[in-house]
PDB file of N, CA and C in Angstrom:
ATOM      1  N   MET A   1      79.337 136.557  48.102  1.00  0.00           N
ATOM      2  CA  MET A   1      79.312 136.867  49.517  1.00  0.00           C
ATOM      3  C   MET A   1      80.716 136.787  50.097  1.00  0.00           C
ATOM      4  N   ALA A   2      81.049 137.721  50.927  1.00  0.00           N
ATOM      5  CA  ALA A   2      82.358 137.717  51.587  1.00  0.00           C
ATOM      6  C   ALA A   2      82.285 136.868  52.847  1.00  0.00           C
ATOM      7  N   THR A   3      83.380 136.246  53.182  1.00  0.00           N
ATOM      8  CA  THR A   3      83.439 135.505  54.435  1.00  0.00           C
ATOM      9  C   THR A   3      83.862 136.457  55.544  1.00  0.00           C
ATOM     10  N   ILE A   4      83.508 136.114  56.768  1.00  0.00           N
ATOM     11  CA  ILE A   4      83.871 136.943  57.914  1.00  0.00           C
ATOM     12  C   ILE A   4      84.783 136.170  58.839  1.00  0.00           C
ATOM     13  N   VAL A   5      85.536 136.909  59.650  1.00  0.00           N
ATOM     14  CA  VAL A   5      86.308 136.274  60.712  1.00  0.00           C
ATOM     15  C   VAL A   5      85.321 136.090  61.860  1.00  0.00           C
ATOM     16  N   ASP A   6      85.115 134.872  62.273  1.00  0.00           N
ATOM     17  CA  ASP A   6      84.058 134.543  63.221  1.00  0.00           C
ATOM     18  C   ASP A   6      84.652 133.891  64.462  1.00  0.00           C
ATOM     19  N   PRO A   7      84.320 134.385  65.656  1.00  0.00           N
ATOM     20  CA  PRO A   7      84.844 133.778  66.869  1.00  0.00           C
ATOM     21  C   PRO A   7      84.379 132.335  67.070  1.00  0.00           C
ATOM     22  N   HIS A   8      83.286 131.945  66.416  1.00  0.00           N
ATOM     23  CA  HIS A   8      82.786 130.575  66.548  1.00  0.00           C
ATOM     24  C   HIS A   8      83.673 129.555  65.842  1.00  0.00           C
ATOM     25  N   LEU A   9      84.579 130.029  64.985  1.00  0.00           N
ATOM     26  CA  LEU A   9      85.492 129.099  64.320  1.00  0.00           C
ATOM     27  C   LEU A   9      86.382 128.375  65.327  1.00  0.00           C
ATOM     28  N   ALA A  10      86.538 128.916  66.518  1.00  0.00           N
ATOM     29  CA  ALA A  10      87.312 128.236  67.565  1.00  0.00           C
ATOM     30  C   ALA A  10      86.655 126.923  67.980  1.00  0.00           C
ATOM     31  N   MET A  11      85.369 126.755  67.666  1.00  0.00           N
ATOM     32  CA  MET A  11      84.642 125.528  68.009  1.00  0.00           C
ATOM     33  C   MET A  11      84.811 124.428  66.962  1.00  0.00           C
ATOM     34  N   VAL A  12      85.428 124.755  65.834  1.00  0.00           N
ATOM     35  CA  VAL A  12      85.608 123.777  64.754  1.00  0.00           C
ATOM     36  C   VAL A  12      86.639 122.737  65.167  1.00  0.00           C
ATOM     37  N   ARG A  13      86.305 121.488  64.962  1.00  0.00           N
ATOM     38  CA  ARG A  13      87.158 120.342  65.308  1.00  0.00           C
ATOM     39  C   ARG A  13      87.254 119.408  64.103  1.00  0.00           C
ATOM     40  N   PRO A  14      88.248 118.535  64.060  1.00  0.00           N
ATOM     41  CA  PRO A  14      88.221 117.466  63.056  1.00  0.00           C
ATOM     42  C   PRO A  14      87.065 116.528  63.417  1.00  0.00           C
ATOM     43  N   VAL A  15      86.159 116.316  62.505  1.00  0.00           N
ATOM     44  CA  VAL A  15      84.983 115.490  62.809  1.00  0.00           C
ATOM     45  C   VAL A  15      84.833 114.382  61.788  1.00  0.00           C
ATOM     46  N   THR A  16      84.135 113.338  62.203  1.00  0.00           N
ATOM     47  CA  THR A  16      83.716 112.258  61.325  1.00  0.00           C
ATOM     48  C   THR A  16      82.198 112.331  61.249  1.00  0.00           C
ATOM     49  N   PRO A  17      81.628 112.363  60.048  1.00  0.00           N
ATOM     50  CA  PRO A  17      80.172 112.413  59.940  1.00  0.00           C
ATOM     51  C   PRO A  17      79.530 111.224  60.655  1.00  0.00           C
ATOM     52  N   ARG A  18      78.589 111.525  61.558  1.00  0.00           N
ATOM     53  CA  ARG A  18      77.932 110.459  62.329  1.00  0.00           C
ATOM     54  C   ARG A  18      77.012 109.610  61.457  1.00  0.00           C
ATOM     55  N   THR A  19      76.365 110.219  60.480  1.00  0.00           N
ATOM     56  CA  THR A  19      75.495 109.479  59.554  1.00  0.00           C
ATOM     57  C   THR A  19      75.816 109.939  58.128  1.00  0.00           C
ATOM     58  N   PRO A  20      76.896 109.424  57.545  1.00  0.00           N
ATOM     59  CA  PRO A  20      77.294 109.882  56.202  1.00  0.00           C
ATOM     60  C   PRO A  20      76.252 109.586  55.123  1.00  0.00           C
ATOM     61  N   GLU A  21      75.304 108.711  55.424  1.00  0.00           N
ATOM     62  CA  GLU A  21      74.276 108.364  54.440  1.00  0.00           C
ATOM     63  C   GLU A  21      73.138 109.371  54.383  1.00  0.00           C
ATOM     64  N   GLY A  22      73.093 110.331  55.324  1.00  0.00           N
ATOM     65  CA  GLY A  22      72.037 111.342  55.263  1.00  0.00           C
ATOM     66  C   GLY A  22      71.794 112.026  56.596  1.00  0.00           C
ATOM     67  N   CYS A  23      70.761 112.844  56.628  1.00  0.00           N
ATOM     68  CA  CYS A  23      70.380 113.589  57.832  1.00  0.00           C
ATOM     69  C   CYS A  23      70.011 112.611  58.948  1.00  0.00           C
ATOM     70  N   GLU A  24      70.666 112.779  60.078  1.00  0.00           N
ATOM     71  CA  GLU A  24      70.481 111.860  61.207  1.00  0.00           C
ATOM     72  C   GLU A  24      69.008 111.743  61.608  1.00  0.00           C
ATOM     73  N   GLU A  25      68.341 112.863  61.804  1.00  0.00           N
ATOM     74  CA  GLU A  25      66.944 112.833  62.242  1.00  0.00           C
ATOM     75  C   GLU A  25      66.004 112.387  61.135  1.00  0.00           C
ATOM     76  N   CYS A  26      66.238 112.858  59.901  1.00  0.00           N
ATOM     77  CA  CYS A  26      65.365 112.457  58.788  1.00  0.00           C
ATOM     78  C   CYS A  26      65.436 110.955  58.531  1.00  0.00           C
ATOM     79  N   LEU A  27      66.611 110.370  58.686  1.00  0.00           N
ATOM     80  CA  LEU A  27      66.732 108.918  58.523  1.00  0.00           C
ATOM     81  C   LEU A  27      65.872 108.191  59.559  1.00  0.00           C
ATOM     82  N   ARG A  28      65.901 108.676  60.805  1.00  0.00           N
ATOM     83  CA  ARG A  28      65.083 108.066  61.869  1.00  0.00           C
ATOM     84  C   ARG A  28      63.592 108.254  61.606  1.00  0.00           C
ATOM     85  N   GLU A  29      63.224 109.446  61.122  1.00  0.00           N
ATOM     86  CA  GLU A  29      61.817 109.816  60.940  1.00  0.00           C
ATOM     87  C   GLU A  29      61.279 109.472  59.548  1.00  0.00           C
ATOM     88  N   HIS A  30      62.130 108.949  58.682  1.00  0.00           N
ATOM     89  CA  HIS A  30      61.754 108.639  57.292  1.00  0.00           C
ATOM     90  C   HIS A  30      61.208 109.877  56.599  1.00  0.00           C
ATOM     91  N   SER A  31      61.911 110.988  56.781  1.00  0.00           N
ATOM     92  CA  SER A  31      61.528 112.267  56.197  1.00  0.00           C
ATOM     93  C   SER A  31      62.506 112.631  55.077  1.00  0.00           C
ATOM     94  N   PRO A  32      62.045 113.343  54.054  1.00  0.00           N
ATOM     95  CA  PRO A  32      62.942 113.744  52.961  1.00  0.00           C
ATOM     96  C   PRO A  32      63.784 114.968  53.334  1.00  0.00           C
ATOM     97  N   TRP A  33      64.890 115.132  52.632  1.00  0.00           N
ATOM     98  CA  TRP A  33      65.716 116.329  52.785  1.00  0.00           C
ATOM     99  C   TRP A  33      66.193 116.755  51.405  1.00  0.00           C
ATOM    100  N   LEU A  34      66.683 118.002  51.313  1.00  0.00           N
ATOM    101  CA  LEU A  34      67.210 118.503  50.046  1.00  0.00           C
ATOM    102  C   LEU A  34      68.726 118.480  50.020  1.00  0.00           C
ATOM    103  N   HIS A  35      69.363 119.148  50.992  1.00  0.00           N
ATOM    104  CA  HIS A  35      70.816 119.223  51.054  1.00  0.00           C
ATOM    105  C   HIS A  35      71.261 118.948  52.485  1.00  0.00           C
ATOM    106  N   LEU A  36      72.518 118.553  52.626  1.00  0.00           N
ATOM    107  CA  LEU A  36      73.037 118.182  53.940  1.00  0.00           C
ATOM    108  C   LEU A  36      74.108 119.147  54.421  1.00  0.00           C
ATOM    109  N   ARG A  37      74.165 119.301  55.742  1.00  0.00           N
ATOM    110  CA  ARG A  37      75.160 120.144  56.397  1.00  0.00           C
ATOM    111  C   ARG A  37      75.838 119.317  57.491  1.00  0.00           C
ATOM    112  N   LEU A  38      77.146 119.500  57.632  1.00  0.00           N
ATOM    113  CA  LEU A  38      77.946 118.769  58.618  1.00  0.00           C
ATOM    114  C   LEU A  38      78.333 119.717  59.745  1.00  0.00           C
ATOM    115  N   CYS A  39      77.978 119.379  60.977  1.00  0.00           N
ATOM    116  CA  CYS A  39      78.386 120.159  62.139  1.00  0.00           C
ATOM    117  C   CYS A  39      79.883 119.968  62.325  1.00  0.00           C
ATOM    118  N   LEU A  40      80.602 121.085  62.369  1.00  0.00           N
ATOM    119  CA  LEU A  40      82.057 121.013  62.482  1.00  0.00           C
ATOM    120  C   LEU A  40      82.542 120.980  63.924  1.00  0.00           C
ATOM    121  N   THR A  41      81.626 120.785  64.868  1.00  0.00           N
ATOM    122  CA  THR A  41      82.011 120.592  66.260  1.00  0.00           C
ATOM    123  C   THR A  41      81.855 119.132  66.673  1.00  0.00           C
ATOM    124  N   CYS A  42      80.782 118.459  66.191  1.00  0.00           N
ATOM    125  CA  CYS A  42      80.534 117.086  66.660  1.00  0.00           C
ATOM    126  C   CYS A  42      80.306 116.057  65.566  1.00  0.00           C
ATOM    127  N   GLY A  43      80.157 116.474  64.303  1.00  0.00           N
ATOM    128  CA  GLY A  43      79.952 115.508  63.226  1.00  0.00           C
ATOM    129  C   GLY A  43      78.502 115.189  62.920  1.00  0.00           C
ATOM    130  N   HIS A  44      77.557 115.874  63.559  1.00  0.00           N
ATOM    131  CA  HIS A  44      76.138 115.679  63.246  1.00  0.00           C
ATOM    132  C   HIS A  44      75.892 116.035  61.791  1.00  0.00           C
ATOM    133  N   VAL A  45      75.137 115.212  61.084  1.00  0.00           N
ATOM    134  CA  VAL A  45      74.728 115.505  59.711  1.00  0.00           C
ATOM    135  C   VAL A  45      73.251 115.871  59.759  1.00  0.00           C
ATOM    136  N   GLY A  46      72.941 117.089  59.312  1.00  0.00           N
ATOM    137  CA  GLY A  46      71.558 117.556  59.336  1.00  0.00           C
ATOM    138  C   GLY A  46      71.154 118.115  57.989  1.00  0.00           C
ATOM    139  N   CYS A  47      69.850 118.274  57.813  1.00  0.00           N
ATOM    140  CA  CYS A  47      69.330 118.808  56.556  1.00  0.00           C
ATOM    141  C   CYS A  47      69.305 120.335  56.585  1.00  0.00           C
ATOM    142  N   CYS A  48      69.355 120.925  55.405  1.00  0.00           N
ATOM    143  CA  CYS A  48      69.485 122.377  55.238  1.00  0.00           C
ATOM    144  C   CYS A  48      68.182 123.124  55.509  1.00  0.00           C
ATOM    145  N   ASP A  49      68.267 124.441  55.463  1.00  0.00           N
ATOM    146  CA  ASP A  49      67.093 125.289  55.688  1.00  0.00           C
ATOM    147  C   ASP A  49      66.057 125.183  54.578  1.00  0.00           C
ATOM    148  N   SER A  50      66.423 124.664  53.415  1.00  0.00           N
ATOM    149  CA  SER A  50      65.446 124.457  52.346  1.00  0.00           C
ATOM    150  C   SER A  50      64.718 123.122  52.498  1.00  0.00           C
ATOM    151  N   SER A  51      65.166 122.297  53.415  1.00  0.00           N
ATOM    152  CA  SER A  51      64.517 121.018  53.699  1.00  0.00           C
ATOM    153  C   SER A  51      63.334 121.265  54.634  1.00  0.00           C
ATOM    154  N   PRO A  52      62.335 120.384  54.602  1.00  0.00           N
ATOM    155  CA  PRO A  52      61.139 120.616  55.413  1.00  0.00           C
ATOM    156  C   PRO A  52      61.400 120.785  56.917  1.00  0.00           C
ATOM    157  N   LEU A  53      62.352 120.049  57.493  1.00  0.00           N
ATOM    158  CA  LEU A  53      62.508 120.056  58.951  1.00  0.00           C
ATOM    159  C   LEU A  53      63.732 120.808  59.468  1.00  0.00           C
ATOM    160  N   LYS A  54      64.606 121.264  58.599  1.00  0.00           N
ATOM    161  CA  LYS A  54      65.737 122.130  58.963  1.00  0.00           C
ATOM    162  C   LYS A  54      66.537 121.617  60.168  1.00  0.00           C
ATOM    163  N   HIS A  55      66.904 120.349  60.137  1.00  0.00           N
ATOM    164  CA  HIS A  55      67.575 119.744  61.289  1.00  0.00           C
ATOM    165  C   HIS A  55      68.957 120.321  61.588  1.00  0.00           C
ATOM    166  N   ALA A  56      69.695 120.773  60.584  1.00  0.00           N
ATOM    167  CA  ALA A  56      71.024 121.341  60.858  1.00  0.00           C
ATOM    168  C   ALA A  56      70.888 122.600  61.715  1.00  0.00           C
ATOM    169  N   ARG A  57      69.960 123.486  61.364  1.00  0.00           N
ATOM    170  CA  ARG A  57      69.734 124.705  62.145  1.00  0.00           C
ATOM    171  C   ARG A  57      69.221 124.361  63.551  1.00  0.00           C
ATOM    172  N   ARG A  58      68.318 123.395  63.634  1.00  0.00           N
ATOM    173  CA  ARG A  58      67.801 122.977  64.950  1.00  0.00           C
ATOM    174  C   ARG A  58      68.925 122.456  65.841  1.00  0.00           C
ATOM    175  N   HIS A  59      69.804 121.650  65.268  1.00  0.00           N
ATOM    176  CA  HIS A  59      70.948 121.119  66.017  1.00  0.00           C
ATOM    177  C   HIS A  59      71.819 122.267  66.510  1.00  0.00           C
ATOM    178  N   ALA A  60      72.135 123.201  65.631  1.00  0.00           N
ATOM    179  CA  ALA A  60      72.984 124.337  66.005  1.00  0.00           C
ATOM    180  C   ALA A  60      72.375 125.106  67.171  1.00  0.00           C
ATOM    181  N   GLY A  61      71.081 125.330  67.129  1.00  0.00           N
ATOM    182  CA  GLY A  61      70.415 126.077  68.189  1.00  0.00           C
ATOM    183  C   GLY A  61      70.276 125.319  69.486  1.00  0.00           C
ATOM    184  N   SER A  62      70.026 124.020  69.383  1.00  0.00           N
ATOM    185  CA  SER A  62      69.768 123.254  70.607  1.00  0.00           C
ATOM    186  C   SER A  62      71.032 122.855  71.358  1.00  0.00           C
ATOM    187  N   VAL A  63      72.137 122.635  70.648  1.00  0.00           N
ATOM    188  CA  VAL A  63      73.367 122.211  71.335  1.00  0.00           C
ATOM    189  C   VAL A  63      74.477 123.252  71.296  1.00  0.00           C
ATOM    190  N   GLY A  64      74.236 124.367  70.596  1.00  0.00           N
ATOM    191  CA  GLY A  64      75.230 125.436  70.582  1.00  0.00           C
ATOM    192  C   GLY A  64      76.442 125.177  69.708  1.00  0.00           C
ATOM    193  N   HIS A  65      76.239 124.475  68.601  1.00  0.00           N
ATOM    194  CA  HIS A  65      77.309 124.221  67.626  1.00  0.00           C
ATOM    195  C   HIS A  65      76.963 125.003  66.359  1.00  0.00           C
ATOM    196  N   PRO A  66      77.390 126.251  66.231  1.00  0.00           N
ATOM    197  CA  PRO A  66      76.890 127.110  65.152  1.00  0.00           C
ATOM    198  C   PRO A  66      77.531 126.958  63.780  1.00  0.00           C
ATOM    199  N   VAL A  67      78.684 126.327  63.671  1.00  0.00           N
ATOM    200  CA  VAL A  67      79.382 126.305  62.374  1.00  0.00           C
ATOM    201  C   VAL A  67      79.192 124.949  61.684  1.00  0.00           C
ATOM    202  N   VAL A  68      78.691 125.036  60.444  1.00  0.00           N
ATOM    203  CA  VAL A  68      78.497 123.839  59.622  1.00  0.00           C
ATOM    204  C   VAL A  68      79.242 124.013  58.311  1.00  0.00           C
ATOM    205  N   GLN A  69      79.459 122.897  57.670  1.00  0.00           N
ATOM    206  CA  GLN A  69      80.026 122.895  56.322  1.00  0.00           C
ATOM    207  C   GLN A  69      79.043 122.162  55.429  1.00  0.00           C
ATOM    208  N   SER A  70      78.971 122.579  54.172  1.00  0.00           N
ATOM    209  CA  SER A  70      78.139 121.837  53.235  1.00  0.00           C
ATOM    210  C   SER A  70      78.622 120.390  53.195  1.00  0.00           C
ATOM    211  N   PHE A  71      77.694 119.456  53.189  1.00  0.00           N
ATOM    212  CA  PHE A  71      78.022 118.038  53.088  1.00  0.00           C
ATOM    213  C   PHE A  71      77.569 117.521  51.720  1.00  0.00           C
ATOM    214  N   GLU A  72      77.626 118.415  50.733  1.00  0.00           N
ATOM    215  CA  GLU A  72      77.280 118.070  49.363  1.00  0.00           C
ATOM    216  C   GLU A  72      78.568 117.848  48.572  1.00  0.00           C
ATOM    217  N   PRO A  73      78.582 116.882  47.668  1.00  0.00           N
ATOM    218  CA  PRO A  73      79.777 116.626  46.855  1.00  0.00           C
ATOM    219  C   PRO A  73      80.217 117.881  46.106  1.00  0.00           C
ATOM    220  N   GLY A  74      81.511 118.166  46.172  1.00  0.00           N
ATOM    221  CA  GLY A  74      82.078 119.287  45.447  1.00  0.00           C
ATOM    222  C   GLY A  74      81.937 120.643  46.123  1.00  0.00           C
ATOM    223  N   GLU A  75      81.304 120.698  47.290  1.00  0.00           N
ATOM    224  CA  GLU A  75      81.139 121.966  48.016  1.00  0.00           C
ATOM    225  C   GLU A  75      81.960 121.928  49.298  1.00  0.00           C
ATOM    226  N   ASP A  76      82.590 123.055  49.636  1.00  0.00           N
ATOM    227  CA  ASP A  76      83.385 123.081  50.862  1.00  0.00           C
ATOM    228  C   ASP A  76      83.169 124.350  51.685  1.00  0.00           C
ATOM    229  N   TRP A  77      82.097 125.091  51.415  1.00  0.00           N
ATOM    230  CA  TRP A  77      81.847 126.321  52.155  1.00  0.00           C
ATOM    231  C   TRP A  77      81.354 126.030  53.573  1.00  0.00           C
ATOM    232  N   ARG A  78      81.565 127.020  54.444  1.00  0.00           N
ATOM    233  CA  ARG A  78      81.161 126.914  55.852  1.00  0.00           C
ATOM    234  C   ARG A  78      80.224 128.067  56.197  1.00  0.00           C
ATOM    235  N   TRP A  79      79.301 127.817  57.111  1.00  0.00           N
ATOM    236  CA  TRP A  79      78.284 128.794  57.493  1.00  0.00           C
ATOM    237  C   TRP A  79      78.177 128.859  59.011  1.00  0.00           C
ATOM    238  N   CYS A  80      78.012 130.061  59.533  1.00  0.00           N
ATOM    239  CA  CYS A  80      77.752 130.248  60.964  1.00  0.00           C
ATOM    240  C   CYS A  80      76.300 130.651  61.137  1.00  0.00           C
ATOM    241  N   TYR A  81      75.545 129.850  61.875  1.00  0.00           N
ATOM    242  CA  TYR A  81      74.134 130.151  62.107  1.00  0.00           C
ATOM    243  C   TYR A  81      73.940 131.354  63.014  1.00  0.00           C
ATOM    244  N   VAL A  82      74.872 131.624  63.904  1.00  0.00           N
ATOM    245  CA  VAL A  82      74.751 132.778  64.804  1.00  0.00           C
ATOM    246  C   VAL A  82      74.857 134.071  64.001  1.00  0.00           C
ATOM    247  N   HIS A  83      75.869 134.164  63.139  1.00  0.00           N
ATOM    248  CA  HIS A  83      76.114 135.381  62.378  1.00  0.00           C
ATOM    249  C   HIS A  83      75.422 135.385  61.017  1.00  0.00           C
ATOM    250  N   GLU A  84      74.789 134.241  60.652  1.00  0.00           N
ATOM    251  CA  GLU A  84      74.122 134.137  59.364  1.00  0.00           C
ATOM    252  C   GLU A  84      75.061 134.579  58.238  1.00  0.00           C
ATOM    253  N   ALA A  85      76.261 133.980  58.238  1.00  0.00           N
ATOM    254  CA  ALA A  85      77.274 134.394  57.272  1.00  0.00           C
ATOM    255  C   ALA A  85      78.229 133.250  56.950  1.00  0.00           C
ATOM    256  N   LEU A  86      78.818 133.329  55.750  1.00  0.00           N
ATOM    257  CA  LEU A  86      79.888 132.404  55.390  1.00  0.00           C
ATOM    258  C   LEU A  86      81.090 132.706  56.255  1.00  0.00           C
ATOM    259  N   VAL A  87      81.778 131.663  56.660  1.00  0.00           N
ATOM    260  CA  VAL A  87      82.973 131.838  57.504  1.00  0.00           C
ATOM    261  C   VAL A  87      84.137 131.047  56.937  1.00  0.00           C
TER     262      VAL A  87
END
């Protein structure tokens, strides 16, 4: 997949993961997740679209922070939920 130049990249900030141990909401709800995504605007850690509750996508939609980075060891790709594309 090719990456795109995305205007949402202007929202990317240096962030510290708020819950480095896992998905913020899943930890509260005692729910499982598959993979983690880091919001590059505020540091929210959410679960991926393959996880039952898709908290990363929900966060992006509810607070308007569309760009995430994989929070999996060895991965550094970024995704924009608005454009549904690697950025």
